Amino acid sequence: MFAATLVEDKEAWALGDAEVMLIAKGSGLYYKGGFVQLNNSGDHLADNRILGTTTSDVNFYWYEKDGDGLDFNVSVEGVSLGVKIDSSDDELGAIRMPNRYFEGTSNNERNLGSIIQWTN
């Protein structure tokens, strides 16, 4: 089983929920996908998601995906305010996990700062 807890979603409230993405790479393994269940700080996910198979160590890169920047005007009581939100992607954490962590061992928790992940 693969599990993760989002510690800090790095998403401003004006931009809505975080779009948490993962890229996992190993020998013969490439996975890129989203985790819509992790969209607010403190969210937890325990998933039997299959990321692929490999006989090597696996590099994990977590990030919060943003679209293009937003430019718009807000008018309040006749006063117009130009608003620009820089929405570049935000790194949540990265780690290399040994292949043995995926071979029936348990509780291999790694705290990446903004996200905690483990295999079980």
PDB file of N, CA and C in Angstrom:
ATOM      1  N   MET A   1       0.839  -1.174   0.000  1.00  0.00           N
ATOM      2  CA  MET A   1       0.000   0.000   0.000  1.00  0.00           C
ATOM      3  C   MET A   1       0.882   1.234   0.000  1.00  0.00           C
ATOM      4  N   PHE A   2       0.416   2.269  -0.629  1.00  0.00           N
ATOM      5  CA  PHE A   2       1.108   3.541  -0.727  1.00  0.00           C
ATOM      6  C   PHE A   2       0.268   4.564   0.026  1.00  0.00           C
ATOM      7  N   ALA A   3       0.873   5.338   0.901  1.00  0.00           N
ATOM      8  CA  ALA A   3       0.107   6.313   1.675  1.00  0.00           C
ATOM      9  C   ALA A   3       0.847   7.640   1.714  1.00  0.00           C
ATOM     10  N   ALA A   4       0.091   8.713   1.910  1.00  0.00           N
ATOM     11  CA  ALA A   4       0.680  10.046   1.994  1.00  0.00           C
ATOM     12  C   ALA A   4      -0.218  10.946   2.830  1.00  0.00           C
ATOM     13  N   THR A   5       0.413  11.892   3.505  1.00  0.00           N
ATOM     14  CA  THR A   5      -0.297  12.932   4.244  1.00  0.00           C
ATOM     15  C   THR A   5       0.245  14.275   3.780  1.00  0.00           C
ATOM     16  N   LEU A   6      -0.642  15.173   3.397  1.00  0.00           N
ATOM     17  CA  LEU A   6      -0.252  16.497   2.942  1.00  0.00           C
ATOM     18  C   LEU A   6      -0.108  17.400   4.164  1.00  0.00           C
ATOM     19  N   VAL A   7       1.091  17.894   4.399  1.00  0.00           N
ATOM     20  CA  VAL A   7       1.356  18.745   5.552  1.00  0.00           C
ATOM     21  C   VAL A   7       1.047  20.197   5.216  1.00  0.00           C
ATOM     22  N   GLU A   8       1.510  20.649   4.062  1.00  0.00           N
ATOM     23  CA  GLU A   8       1.314  22.032   3.619  1.00  0.00           C
ATOM     24  C   GLU A   8       0.930  22.014   2.156  1.00  0.00           C
ATOM     25  N   ASP A   9      -0.281  22.495   1.820  1.00  0.00           N
ATOM     26  CA  ASP A   9      -0.750  22.390   0.432  1.00  0.00           C
ATOM     27  C   ASP A   9      -0.166  23.444  -0.505  1.00  0.00           C
ATOM     28  N   LYS A  10       0.452  24.495   0.036  1.00  0.00           N
ATOM     29  CA  LYS A  10       1.128  25.540  -0.757  1.00  0.00           C
ATOM     30  C   LYS A  10       0.211  26.184  -1.780  1.00  0.00           C
ATOM     31  N   GLU A  11      -1.067  26.204  -1.526  1.00  0.00           N
ATOM     32  CA  GLU A  11      -2.026  26.799  -2.457  1.00  0.00           C
ATOM     33  C   GLU A  11      -2.750  27.946  -1.766  1.00  0.00           C
ATOM     34  N   ALA A  12      -2.648  29.122  -2.350  1.00  0.00           N
ATOM     35  CA  ALA A  12      -3.360  30.280  -1.797  1.00  0.00           C
ATOM     36  C   ALA A  12      -4.865  30.053  -1.865  1.00  0.00           C
ATOM     37  N   TRP A  13      -5.604  30.511  -0.862  1.00  0.00           N
ATOM     38  CA  TRP A  13      -7.046  30.267  -0.817  1.00  0.00           C
ATOM     39  C   TRP A  13      -7.740  30.816  -2.058  1.00  0.00           C
ATOM     40  N   ALA A  14      -7.208  31.887  -2.644  1.00  0.00           N
ATOM     41  CA  ALA A  14      -7.836  32.484  -3.831  1.00  0.00           C
ATOM     42  C   ALA A  14      -7.759  31.567  -5.045  1.00  0.00           C
ATOM     43  N   LEU A  15      -6.826  30.612  -5.022  1.00  0.00           N
ATOM     44  CA  LEU A  15      -6.678  29.704  -6.155  1.00  0.00           C
ATOM     45  C   LEU A  15      -7.430  28.397  -5.966  1.00  0.00           C
ATOM     46  N   GLY A  16      -8.110  28.228  -4.830  1.00  0.00           N
ATOM     47  CA  GLY A  16      -8.908  27.018  -4.610  1.00  0.00           C
ATOM     48  C   GLY A  16      -8.087  25.884  -4.040  1.00  0.00           C
ATOM     49  N   ASP A  17      -8.552  24.662  -4.260  1.00  0.00           N
ATOM     50  CA  ASP A  17      -7.876  23.479  -3.732  1.00  0.00           C
ATOM     51  C   ASP A  17      -6.553  23.224  -4.460  1.00  0.00           C
ATOM     52  N   ALA A  18      -5.640  22.603  -3.737  1.00  0.00           N
ATOM     53  CA  ALA A  18      -4.362  22.206  -4.335  1.00  0.00           C
ATOM     54  C   ALA A  18      -4.573  21.050  -5.305  1.00  0.00           C
ATOM     55  N   GLU A  19      -3.767  21.027  -6.347  1.00  0.00           N
ATOM     56  CA  GLU A  19      -3.743  19.914  -7.301  1.00  0.00           C
ATOM     57  C   GLU A  19      -2.418  19.196  -7.072  1.00  0.00           C
ATOM     58  N   VAL A  20      -2.440  18.159  -6.232  1.00  0.00           N
ATOM     59  CA  VAL A  20      -1.219  17.458  -5.850  1.00  0.00           C
ATOM     60  C   VAL A  20      -0.882  16.413  -6.907  1.00  0.00           C
ATOM     61  N   MET A  21       0.350  16.483  -7.402  1.00  0.00           N
ATOM     62  CA  MET A  21       0.825  15.598  -8.462  1.00  0.00           C
ATOM     63  C   MET A  21       2.070  14.856  -7.989  1.00  0.00           C
ATOM     64  N   LEU A  22       2.273  13.673  -8.568  1.00  0.00           N
ATOM     65  CA  LEU A  22       3.449  12.868  -8.263  1.00  0.00           C
ATOM     66  C   LEU A  22       4.070  12.368  -9.555  1.00  0.00           C
ATOM     67  N   ILE A  23       5.400  12.465  -9.622  1.00  0.00           N
ATOM     68  CA  ILE A  23       6.163  11.804 -10.665  1.00  0.00           C
ATOM     69  C   ILE A  23       7.053  10.796  -9.953  1.00  0.00           C
ATOM     70  N   ALA A  24       6.992   9.537 -10.375  1.00  0.00           N
ATOM     71  CA  ALA A  24       7.832   8.479  -9.810  1.00  0.00           C
ATOM     72  C   ALA A  24       8.626   7.853 -10.945  1.00  0.00           C
ATOM     73  N   LYS A  25       9.951   7.717 -10.748  1.00  0.00           N
ATOM     74  CA  LYS A  25      10.814   7.160 -11.786  1.00  0.00           C
ATOM     75  C   LYS A  25      11.740   6.114 -11.181  1.00  0.00           C
ATOM     76  N   GLY A  26      11.843   5.003 -11.875  1.00  0.00           N
ATOM     77  CA  GLY A  26      12.781   3.948 -11.536  1.00  0.00           C
ATOM     78  C   GLY A  26      13.165   3.259 -12.834  1.00  0.00           C
ATOM     79  N   SER A  27      14.003   2.257 -12.770  1.00  0.00           N
ATOM     80  CA  SER A  27      14.396   1.533 -13.971  1.00  0.00           C
ATOM     81  C   SER A  27      13.170   0.849 -14.574  1.00  0.00           C
ATOM     82  N   GLY A  28      12.757   1.290 -15.760  1.00  0.00           N
ATOM     83  CA  GLY A  28      11.573   0.732 -16.408  1.00  0.00           C
ATOM     84  C   GLY A  28      10.261   1.252 -15.858  1.00  0.00           C
ATOM     85  N   LEU A  29      10.297   2.186 -14.909  1.00  0.00           N
ATOM     86  CA  LEU A  29       9.092   2.724 -14.266  1.00  0.00           C
ATOM     87  C   LEU A  29       9.010   4.216 -14.482  1.00  0.00           C
ATOM     88  N   TYR A  30       7.859   4.666 -14.960  1.00  0.00           N
ATOM     89  CA  TYR A  30       7.567   6.098 -15.017  1.00  0.00           C
ATOM     90  C   TYR A  30       6.089   6.263 -14.703  1.00  0.00           C
ATOM     91  N   TYR A  31       5.804   7.041 -13.674  1.00  0.00           N
ATOM     92  CA  TYR A  31       4.419   7.307 -13.293  1.00  0.00           C
ATOM     93  C   TYR A  31       4.262   8.802 -13.113  1.00  0.00           C
ATOM     94  N   LYS A  32       3.188   9.344 -13.651  1.00  0.00           N
ATOM     95  CA  LYS A  32       2.827  10.736 -13.421  1.00  0.00           C
ATOM     96  C   LYS A  32       1.318  10.762 -13.236  1.00  0.00           C
ATOM     97  N   GLY A  33       0.882  11.249 -12.096  1.00  0.00           N
ATOM     98  CA  GLY A  33      -0.545  11.276 -11.839  1.00  0.00           C
ATOM     99  C   GLY A  33      -0.904  12.203 -10.698  1.00  0.00           C
ATOM    100  N   GLY A  34      -2.182  12.501 -10.611  1.00  0.00           N
ATOM    101  CA  GLY A  34      -2.691  13.394  -9.590  1.00  0.00           C
ATOM    102  C   GLY A  34      -3.332  12.639  -8.443  1.00  0.00           C
ATOM    103  N   PHE A  35      -3.417  13.294  -7.326  1.00  0.00           N
ATOM    104  CA  PHE A  35      -4.023  12.737  -6.121  1.00  0.00           C
ATOM    105  C   PHE A  35      -5.066  13.732  -5.630  1.00  0.00           C
ATOM    106  N   VAL A  36      -6.266  13.655  -6.209  1.00  0.00           N
ATOM    107  CA  VAL A  36      -7.302  14.639  -5.897  1.00  0.00           C
ATOM    108  C   VAL A  36      -7.760  14.551  -4.440  1.00  0.00           C
ATOM    109  N   GLN A  37      -7.498  13.424  -3.774  1.00  0.00           N
ATOM    110  CA  GLN A  37      -7.892  13.282  -2.376  1.00  0.00           C
ATOM    111  C   GLN A  37      -7.018  14.135  -1.462  1.00  0.00           C
ATOM    112  N   LEU A  38      -5.856  14.543  -1.923  1.00  0.00           N
ATOM    113  CA  LEU A  38      -4.945  15.398  -1.154  1.00  0.00           C
ATOM    114  C   LEU A  38      -5.066  16.815  -1.682  1.00  0.00           C
ATOM    115  N   ASN A  39      -5.966  17.589  -1.118  1.00  0.00           N
ATOM    116  CA  ASN A  39      -6.128  18.942  -1.639  1.00  0.00           C
ATOM    117  C   ASN A  39      -6.132  20.021  -0.560  1.00  0.00           C
ATOM    118  N   ASN A  40      -6.035  19.649   0.699  1.00  0.00           N
ATOM    119  CA  ASN A  40      -5.945  20.611   1.790  1.00  0.00           C
ATOM    120  C   ASN A  40      -4.913  20.133   2.792  1.00  0.00           C
ATOM    121  N   SER A  41      -4.253  21.073   3.444  1.00  0.00           N
ATOM    122  CA  SER A  41      -3.286  20.703   4.474  1.00  0.00           C
ATOM    123  C   SER A  41      -3.945  19.783   5.489  1.00  0.00           C
ATOM    124  N   GLY A  42      -3.247  18.708   5.847  1.00  0.00           N
ATOM    125  CA  GLY A  42      -3.762  17.745   6.821  1.00  0.00           C
ATOM    126  C   GLY A  42      -4.485  16.564   6.208  1.00  0.00           C
ATOM    127  N   ASP A  43      -4.759  16.617   4.890  1.00  0.00           N
ATOM    128  CA  ASP A  43      -5.431  15.481   4.245  1.00  0.00           C
ATOM    129  C   ASP A  43      -4.531  14.252   4.242  1.00  0.00           C
ATOM    130  N   HIS A  44      -5.158  13.078   4.312  1.00  0.00           N
ATOM    131  CA  HIS A  44      -4.447  11.802   4.352  1.00  0.00           C
ATOM    132  C   HIS A  44      -5.017  10.879   3.277  1.00  0.00           C
ATOM    133  N   LEU A  45      -4.142  10.117   2.644  1.00  0.00           N
ATOM    134  CA  LEU A  45      -4.544   9.177   1.602  1.00  0.00           C
ATOM    135  C   LEU A  45      -3.841   7.854   1.844  1.00  0.00           C
ATOM    136  N   ALA A  46      -4.587   6.783   1.875  1.00  0.00           N
ATOM    137  CA  ALA A  46      -4.020   5.430   1.888  1.00  0.00           C
ATOM    138  C   ALA A  46      -4.594   4.744   0.658  1.00  0.00           C
ATOM    139  N   ASP A  47      -3.738   4.347  -0.259  1.00  0.00           N
ATOM    140  CA  ASP A  47      -4.194   3.917  -1.579  1.00  0.00           C
ATOM    141  C   ASP A  47      -3.429   2.677  -2.026  1.00  0.00           C
ATOM    142  N   ASN A  48      -4.094   1.769  -2.694  1.00  0.00           N
ATOM    143  CA  ASN A  48      -3.447   0.615  -3.291  1.00  0.00           C
ATOM    144  C   ASN A  48      -3.107   0.898  -4.752  1.00  0.00           C
ATOM    145  N   ARG A  49      -2.817   2.127  -5.061  1.00  0.00           N
ATOM    146  CA  ARG A  49      -2.512   2.527  -6.431  1.00  0.00           C
ATOM    147  C   ARG A  49      -1.232   1.850  -6.917  1.00  0.00           C
ATOM    148  N   ILE A  50      -1.289   1.288  -8.102  1.00  0.00           N
ATOM    149  CA  ILE A  50      -0.118   0.656  -8.701  1.00  0.00           C
ATOM    150  C   ILE A  50       0.614   1.708  -9.522  1.00  0.00           C
ATOM    151  N   LEU A  51       1.862   1.972  -9.143  1.00  0.00           N
ATOM    152  CA  LEU A  51       2.661   2.965  -9.847  1.00  0.00           C
ATOM    153  C   LEU A  51       3.481   2.339 -10.956  1.00  0.00           C
ATOM    154  N   GLY A  52       3.628   1.010 -10.922  1.00  0.00           N
ATOM    155  CA  GLY A  52       4.415   0.306 -11.916  1.00  0.00           C
ATOM    156  C   GLY A  52       5.323  -0.686 -11.217  1.00  0.00           C
ATOM    157  N   THR A  53       6.223  -1.290 -11.961  1.00  0.00           N
ATOM    158  CA  THR A  53       7.164  -2.246 -11.376  1.00  0.00           C
ATOM    159  C   THR A  53       8.580  -1.870 -11.774  1.00  0.00           C
ATOM    160  N   THR A  54       9.501  -2.155 -10.882  1.00  0.00           N
ATOM    161  CA  THR A  54      10.897  -1.872 -11.134  1.00  0.00           C
ATOM    162  C   THR A  54      11.755  -2.738 -10.232  1.00  0.00           C
ATOM    163  N   THR A  55      12.996  -2.908 -10.602  1.00  0.00           N
ATOM    164  CA  THR A  55      13.945  -3.622  -9.755  1.00  0.00           C
ATOM    165  C   THR A  55      14.975  -2.656  -9.178  1.00  0.00           C
ATOM    166  N   SER A  56      14.757  -1.367  -9.368  1.00  0.00           N
ATOM    167  CA  SER A  56      15.706  -0.360  -8.906  1.00  0.00           C
ATOM    168  C   SER A  56      15.076   0.516  -7.824  1.00  0.00           C
ATOM    169  N   ASP A  57      15.880   1.419  -7.267  1.00  0.00           N
ATOM    170  CA  ASP A  57      15.355   2.426  -6.363  1.00  0.00           C
ATOM    171  C   ASP A  57      14.393   3.326  -7.142  1.00  0.00           C
ATOM    172  N   VAL A  58      13.523   4.027  -6.426  1.00  0.00           N
ATOM    173  CA  VAL A  58      12.519   4.865  -7.079  1.00  0.00           C
ATOM    174  C   VAL A  58      12.668   6.308  -6.595  1.00  0.00           C
ATOM    175  N   ASN A  59      12.705   7.230  -7.537  1.00  0.00           N
ATOM    176  CA  ASN A  59      12.726   8.662  -7.226  1.00  0.00           C
ATOM    177  C   ASN A  59      11.302   9.185  -7.259  1.00  0.00           C
ATOM    178  N   PHE A  60      10.905   9.867  -6.194  1.00  0.00           N
ATOM    179  CA  PHE A  60       9.582  10.464  -6.091  1.00  0.00           C
ATOM    180  C   PHE A  60       9.725  11.980  -6.092  1.00  0.00           C
ATOM    181  N   TYR A  61       8.889  12.654  -6.882  1.00  0.00           N
ATOM    182  CA  TYR A  61       8.860  14.114  -6.904  1.00  0.00           C
ATOM    183  C   TYR A  61       7.403  14.550  -6.781  1.00  0.00           C
ATOM    184  N   TRP A  62       7.075  15.211  -5.676  1.00  0.00           N
ATOM    185  CA  TRP A  62       5.730  15.705  -5.408  1.00  0.00           C
ATOM    186  C   TRP A  62       5.675  17.205  -5.682  1.00  0.00           C
ATOM    187  N   TYR A  63       4.618  17.659  -6.324  1.00  0.00           N
ATOM    188  CA  TYR A  63       4.461  19.095  -6.533  1.00  0.00           C
ATOM    189  C   TYR A  63       2.991  19.467  -6.579  1.00  0.00           C
ATOM    190  N   GLU A  64       2.747  20.749  -6.345  1.00  0.00           N
ATOM    191  CA  GLU A  64       1.399  21.298  -6.439  1.00  0.00           C
ATOM    192  C   GLU A  64       1.328  22.008  -7.779  1.00  0.00           C
ATOM    193  N   LYS A  65       0.448  21.508  -8.645  1.00  0.00           N
ATOM    194  CA  LYS A  65       0.370  21.991 -10.027  1.00  0.00           C
ATOM    195  C   LYS A  65      -0.524  23.220 -10.115  1.00  0.00           C
ATOM    196  N   ASP A  66       0.002  24.216 -10.766  1.00  0.00           N
ATOM    197  CA  ASP A  66      -0.782  25.421 -11.033  1.00  0.00           C
ATOM    198  C   ASP A  66      -0.841  25.645 -12.529  1.00  0.00           C
ATOM    199  N   GLY A  67      -1.875  26.335 -12.941  1.00  0.00           N
ATOM    200  CA  GLY A  67      -2.004  26.696 -14.350  1.00  0.00           C
ATOM    201  C   GLY A  67      -1.239  27.975 -14.606  1.00  0.00           C
ATOM    202  N   ASP A  68      -1.655  28.691 -15.603  1.00  0.00           N
ATOM    203  CA  ASP A  68      -1.022  29.958 -15.926  1.00  0.00           C
ATOM    204  C   ASP A  68      -1.367  30.990 -14.862  1.00  0.00           C
ATOM    205  N   GLY A  69      -0.616  32.088 -14.843  1.00  0.00           N
ATOM    206  CA  GLY A  69      -0.912  33.180 -13.924  1.00  0.00           C
ATOM    207  C   GLY A  69      -2.260  33.796 -14.241  1.00  0.00           C
ATOM    208  N   LEU A  70      -2.827  34.446 -13.262  1.00  0.00           N
ATOM    209  CA  LEU A  70      -4.138  35.073 -13.423  1.00  0.00           C
ATOM    210  C   LEU A  70      -4.000  36.590 -13.335  1.00  0.00           C
ATOM    211  N   ASP A  71      -4.554  37.291 -14.304  1.00  0.00           N
ATOM    212  CA  ASP A  71      -4.618  38.749 -14.272  1.00  0.00           C
ATOM    213  C   ASP A  71      -6.083  39.134 -14.395  1.00  0.00           C
ATOM    214  N   PHE A  72      -6.575  39.930 -13.451  1.00  0.00           N
ATOM    215  CA  PHE A  72      -7.958  40.359 -13.545  1.00  0.00           C
ATOM    216  C   PHE A  72      -8.147  41.633 -12.744  1.00  0.00           C
ATOM    217  N   ASN A  73      -9.284  42.286 -12.946  1.00  0.00           N
ATOM    218  CA  ASN A  73      -9.635  43.488 -12.209  1.00  0.00           C
ATOM    219  C   ASN A  73     -10.767  43.203 -11.259  1.00  0.00           C
ATOM    220  N   VAL A  74     -10.672  43.786 -10.085  1.00  0.00           N
ATOM    221  CA  VAL A  74     -11.743  43.710  -9.104  1.00  0.00           C
ATOM    222  C   VAL A  74     -12.221  45.134  -8.867  1.00  0.00           C
ATOM    223  N   SER A  75     -13.523  45.346  -8.967  1.00  0.00           N
ATOM    224  CA  SER A  75     -14.078  46.680  -8.736  1.00  0.00           C
ATOM    225  C   SER A  75     -14.894  46.667  -7.458  1.00  0.00           C
ATOM    226  N   VAL A  76     -14.508  47.541  -6.531  1.00  0.00           N
ATOM    227  CA  VAL A  76     -15.213  47.650  -5.251  1.00  0.00           C
ATOM    228  C   VAL A  76     -15.593  49.114  -5.050  1.00  0.00           C
ATOM    229  N   GLU A  77     -16.889  49.361  -5.008  1.00  0.00           N
ATOM    230  CA  GLU A  77     -17.431  50.711  -4.820  1.00  0.00           C
ATOM    231  C   GLU A  77     -16.782  51.720  -5.758  1.00  0.00           C
ATOM    232  N   GLY A  78     -16.669  51.342  -7.013  1.00  0.00           N
ATOM    233  CA  GLY A  78     -16.159  52.249  -8.034  1.00  0.00           C
ATOM    234  C   GLY A  78     -14.649  52.310  -8.137  1.00  0.00           C
ATOM    235  N   VAL A  79     -13.934  51.629  -7.265  1.00  0.00           N
ATOM    236  CA  VAL A  79     -12.477  51.612  -7.330  1.00  0.00           C
ATOM    237  C   VAL A  79     -12.037  50.292  -7.940  1.00  0.00           C
ATOM    238  N   SER A  80     -11.243  50.379  -9.005  1.00  0.00           N
ATOM    239  CA  SER A  80     -10.794  49.181  -9.696  1.00  0.00           C
ATOM    240  C   SER A  80      -9.383  48.818  -9.243  1.00  0.00           C
ATOM    241  N   LEU A  81      -9.204  47.551  -8.907  1.00  0.00           N
ATOM    242  CA  LEU A  81      -7.910  47.067  -8.474  1.00  0.00           C
ATOM    243  C   LEU A  81      -7.423  46.002  -9.446  1.00  0.00           C
ATOM    244  N   GLY A  82      -6.224  46.170  -9.956  1.00  0.00           N
ATOM    245  CA  GLY A  82      -5.627  45.144 -10.798  1.00  0.00           C
ATOM    246  C   GLY A  82      -4.987  44.086  -9.906  1.00  0.00           C
ATOM    247  N   VAL A  83      -5.285  42.838 -10.177  1.00  0.00           N
ATOM    248  CA  VAL A  83      -4.777  41.745  -9.360  1.00  0.00           C
ATOM    249  C   VAL A  83      -3.986  40.800 -10.243  1.00  0.00           C
ATOM    250  N   LYS A  84      -2.788  40.435  -9.788  1.00  0.00           N
ATOM    251  CA  LYS A  84      -1.985  39.443 -10.510  1.00  0.00           C
ATOM    252  C   LYS A  84      -1.588  38.373  -9.505  1.00  0.00           C
ATOM    253  N   ILE A  85      -1.883  37.127  -9.832  1.00  0.00           N
ATOM    254  CA  ILE A  85      -1.505  36.005  -8.984  1.00  0.00           C
ATOM    255  C   ILE A  85      -0.513  35.163  -9.764  1.00  0.00           C
ATOM    256  N   ASP A  86       0.693  35.017  -9.225  1.00  0.00           N
ATOM    257  CA  ASP A  86       1.696  34.174  -9.850  1.00  0.00           C
ATOM    258  C   ASP A  86       1.395  32.732  -9.461  1.00  0.00           C
ATOM    259  N   SER A  87       1.115  31.898 -10.414  1.00  0.00           N
ATOM    260  CA  SER A  87       0.698  30.535 -10.094  1.00  0.00           C
ATOM    261  C   SER A  87       1.655  29.500 -10.677  1.00  0.00           C
ATOM    262  N   SER A  88       2.931  29.675 -10.414  1.00  0.00           N
ATOM    263  CA  SER A  88       3.885  28.659 -10.854  1.00  0.00           C
ATOM    264  C   SER A  88       3.768  27.438  -9.951  1.00  0.00           C
ATOM    265  N   ASP A  89       4.174  26.291 -10.453  1.00  0.00           N
ATOM    266  CA  ASP A  89       4.094  25.056  -9.672  1.00  0.00           C
ATOM    267  C   ASP A  89       4.952  25.161  -8.414  1.00  0.00           C
ATOM    268  N   ASP A  90       4.512  24.507  -7.340  1.00  0.00           N
ATOM    269  CA  ASP A  90       5.215  24.545  -6.061  1.00  0.00           C
ATOM    270  C   ASP A  90       5.709  23.148  -5.707  1.00  0.00           C
ATOM    271  N   GLU A  91       6.991  23.041  -5.369  1.00  0.00           N
ATOM    272  CA  GLU A  91       7.551  21.755  -4.967  1.00  0.00           C
ATOM    273  C   GLU A  91       7.068  21.391  -3.570  1.00  0.00           C
ATOM    274  N   LEU A  92       6.589  20.163  -3.417  1.00  0.00           N
ATOM    275  CA  LEU A  92       6.161  19.659  -2.114  1.00  0.00           C
ATOM    276  C   LEU A  92       7.222  18.771  -1.478  1.00  0.00           C
ATOM    277  N   GLY A  93       8.066  18.159  -2.279  1.00  0.00           N
ATOM    278  CA  GLY A  93       9.136  17.323  -1.750  1.00  0.00           C
ATOM    279  C   GLY A  93       9.600  16.291  -2.750  1.00  0.00           C
ATOM    280  N   ALA A  94      10.809  15.802  -2.541  1.00  0.00           N
ATOM    281  CA  ALA A  94      11.389  14.784  -3.420  1.00  0.00           C
ATOM    282  C   ALA A  94      12.257  13.856  -2.583  1.00  0.00           C
ATOM    283  N   ILE A  95      12.308  12.585  -2.990  1.00  0.00           N
ATOM    284  CA  ILE A  95      13.109  11.600  -2.262  1.00  0.00           C
ATOM    285  C   ILE A  95      13.393  10.406  -3.162  1.00  0.00           C
ATOM    286  N   ARG A  96      14.493   9.748  -2.878  1.00  0.00           N
ATOM    287  CA  ARG A  96      14.829   8.474  -3.524  1.00  0.00           C
ATOM    288  C   ARG A  96      14.612   7.389  -2.480  1.00  0.00           C
ATOM    289  N   MET A  97      13.743   6.409  -2.799  1.00  0.00           N
ATOM    290  CA  MET A  97      13.457   5.322  -1.861  1.00  0.00           C
ATOM    291  C   MET A  97      14.040   4.019  -2.395  1.00  0.00           C
ATOM    292  N   PRO A  98      14.753   3.278  -1.539  1.00  0.00           N
ATOM    293  CA  PRO A  98      15.344   2.009  -1.972  1.00  0.00           C
ATOM    294  C   PRO A  98      14.283   1.009  -2.412  1.00  0.00           C
ATOM    295  N   ASN A  99      14.637   0.190  -3.379  1.00  0.00           N
ATOM    296  CA  ASN A  99      13.719  -0.816  -3.902  1.00  0.00           C
ATOM    297  C   ASN A  99      13.225  -1.763  -2.815  1.00  0.00           C
ATOM    298  N   ARG A 100      14.051  -2.058  -1.828  1.00  0.00           N
ATOM    299  CA  ARG A 100      13.646  -2.987  -0.765  1.00  0.00           C
ATOM    300  C   ARG A 100      12.422  -2.484   0.006  1.00  0.00           C
ATOM    301  N   TYR A 101      12.152  -1.185  -0.050  1.00  0.00           N
ATOM    302  CA  TYR A 101      10.974  -0.642   0.642  1.00  0.00           C
ATOM    303  C   TYR A 101       9.668  -1.104  -0.005  1.00  0.00           C
ATOM    304  N   PHE A 102       9.748  -1.656  -1.193  1.00  0.00           N
ATOM    305  CA  PHE A 102       8.551  -2.086  -1.914  1.00  0.00           C
ATOM    306  C   PHE A 102       8.435  -3.602  -1.958  1.00  0.00           C
ATOM    307  N   GLU A 103       9.236  -4.274  -1.175  1.00  0.00           N
ATOM    308  CA  GLU A 103       9.261  -5.732  -1.209  1.00  0.00           C
ATOM    309  C   GLU A 103       8.756  -6.332   0.096  1.00  0.00           C
ATOM    310  N   GLY A 104       7.588  -5.890   0.535  1.00  0.00           N
ATOM    311  CA  GLY A 104       6.960  -6.492   1.705  1.00  0.00           C
ATOM    312  C   GLY A 104       7.374  -5.909   3.035  1.00  0.00           C
ATOM    313  N   THR A 105       8.300  -4.953   3.036  1.00  0.00           N
ATOM    314  CA  THR A 105       8.636  -4.293   4.292  1.00  0.00           C
ATOM    315  C   THR A 105       7.516  -3.317   4.633  1.00  0.00           C
ATOM    316  N   SER A 106       7.502  -2.829   5.848  1.00  0.00           N
ATOM    317  CA  SER A 106       6.393  -1.955   6.220  1.00  0.00           C
ATOM    318  C   SER A 106       6.874  -0.706   6.937  1.00  0.00           C
ATOM    319  N   ASN A 107       5.996   0.276   6.918  1.00  0.00           N
ATOM    320  CA  ASN A 107       6.168   1.506   7.680  1.00  0.00           C
ATOM    321  C   ASN A 107       7.437   2.268   7.317  1.00  0.00           C
ATOM    322  N   ASN A 108       7.722   2.382   6.047  1.00  0.00           N
ATOM    323  CA  ASN A 108       8.893   3.123   5.592  1.00  0.00           C
ATOM    324  C   ASN A 108       8.513   4.583   5.364  1.00  0.00           C
ATOM    325  N   GLU A 109       8.239   5.270   6.453  1.00  0.00           N
ATOM    326  CA  GLU A 109       7.761   6.646   6.387  1.00  0.00           C
ATOM    327  C   GLU A 109       8.910   7.606   6.117  1.00  0.00           C
ATOM    328  N   ARG A 110       8.649   8.570   5.230  1.00  0.00           N
ATOM    329  CA  ARG A 110       9.613   9.615   4.933  1.00  0.00           C
ATOM    330  C   ARG A 110       8.896  10.959   4.951  1.00  0.00           C
ATOM    331  N   ASN A 111       9.400  11.868   5.784  1.00  0.00           N
ATOM    332  CA  ASN A 111       8.839  13.209   5.884  1.00  0.00           C
ATOM    333  C   ASN A 111       9.609  14.119   4.933  1.00  0.00           C
ATOM    334  N   LEU A 112       8.920  14.627   3.921  1.00  0.00           N
ATOM    335  CA  LEU A 112       9.552  15.467   2.915  1.00  0.00           C
ATOM    336  C   LEU A 112       9.325  16.947   3.190  1.00  0.00           C
ATOM    337  N   GLY A 113       8.778  17.259   4.355  1.00  0.00           N
ATOM    338  CA  GLY A 113       8.510  18.646   4.713  1.00  0.00           C
ATOM    339  C   GLY A 113       7.076  19.045   4.456  1.00  0.00           C
ATOM    340  N   SER A 114       6.703  19.162   3.194  1.00  0.00           N
ATOM    341  CA  SER A 114       5.329  19.532   2.859  1.00  0.00           C
ATOM    342  C   SER A 114       4.425  18.335   2.674  1.00  0.00           C
ATOM    343  N   ILE A 115       5.021  17.151   2.565  1.00  0.00           N
ATOM    344  CA  ILE A 115       4.238  15.925   2.425  1.00  0.00           C
ATOM    345  C   ILE A 115       4.996  14.785   3.092  1.00  0.00           C
ATOM    346  N   ILE A 116       4.254  13.861   3.665  1.00  0.00           N
ATOM    347  CA  ILE A 116       4.825  12.649   4.258  1.00  0.00           C
ATOM    348  C   ILE A 116       4.334  11.477   3.430  1.00  0.00           C
ATOM    349  N   GLN A 117       5.238  10.607   3.020  1.00  0.00           N
ATOM    350  CA  GLN A 117       4.814   9.431   2.244  1.00  0.00           C
ATOM    351  C   GLN A 117       5.419   8.186   2.871  1.00  0.00           C
ATOM    352  N   TRP A 118       4.737   7.060   2.667  1.00  0.00           N
ATOM    353  CA  TRP A 118       5.276   5.790   3.124  1.00  0.00           C
ATOM    354  C   TRP A 118       4.667   4.635   2.369  1.00  0.00           C
ATOM    355  N   THR A 119       5.368   3.509   2.431  1.00  0.00           N
ATOM    356  CA  THR A 119       4.875   2.268   1.865  1.00  0.00           C
ATOM    357  C   THR A 119       4.583   1.332   3.014  1.00  0.00           C
ATOM    358  N   ASN A 120       3.682   0.398   2.774  1.00  0.00           N
ATOM    359  CA  ASN A 120       3.292  -0.527   3.831  1.00  0.00           C
ATOM    360  C   ASN A 120       2.895  -1.850   3.204  1.00  0.00           C
TER     361      ASN A 120
END
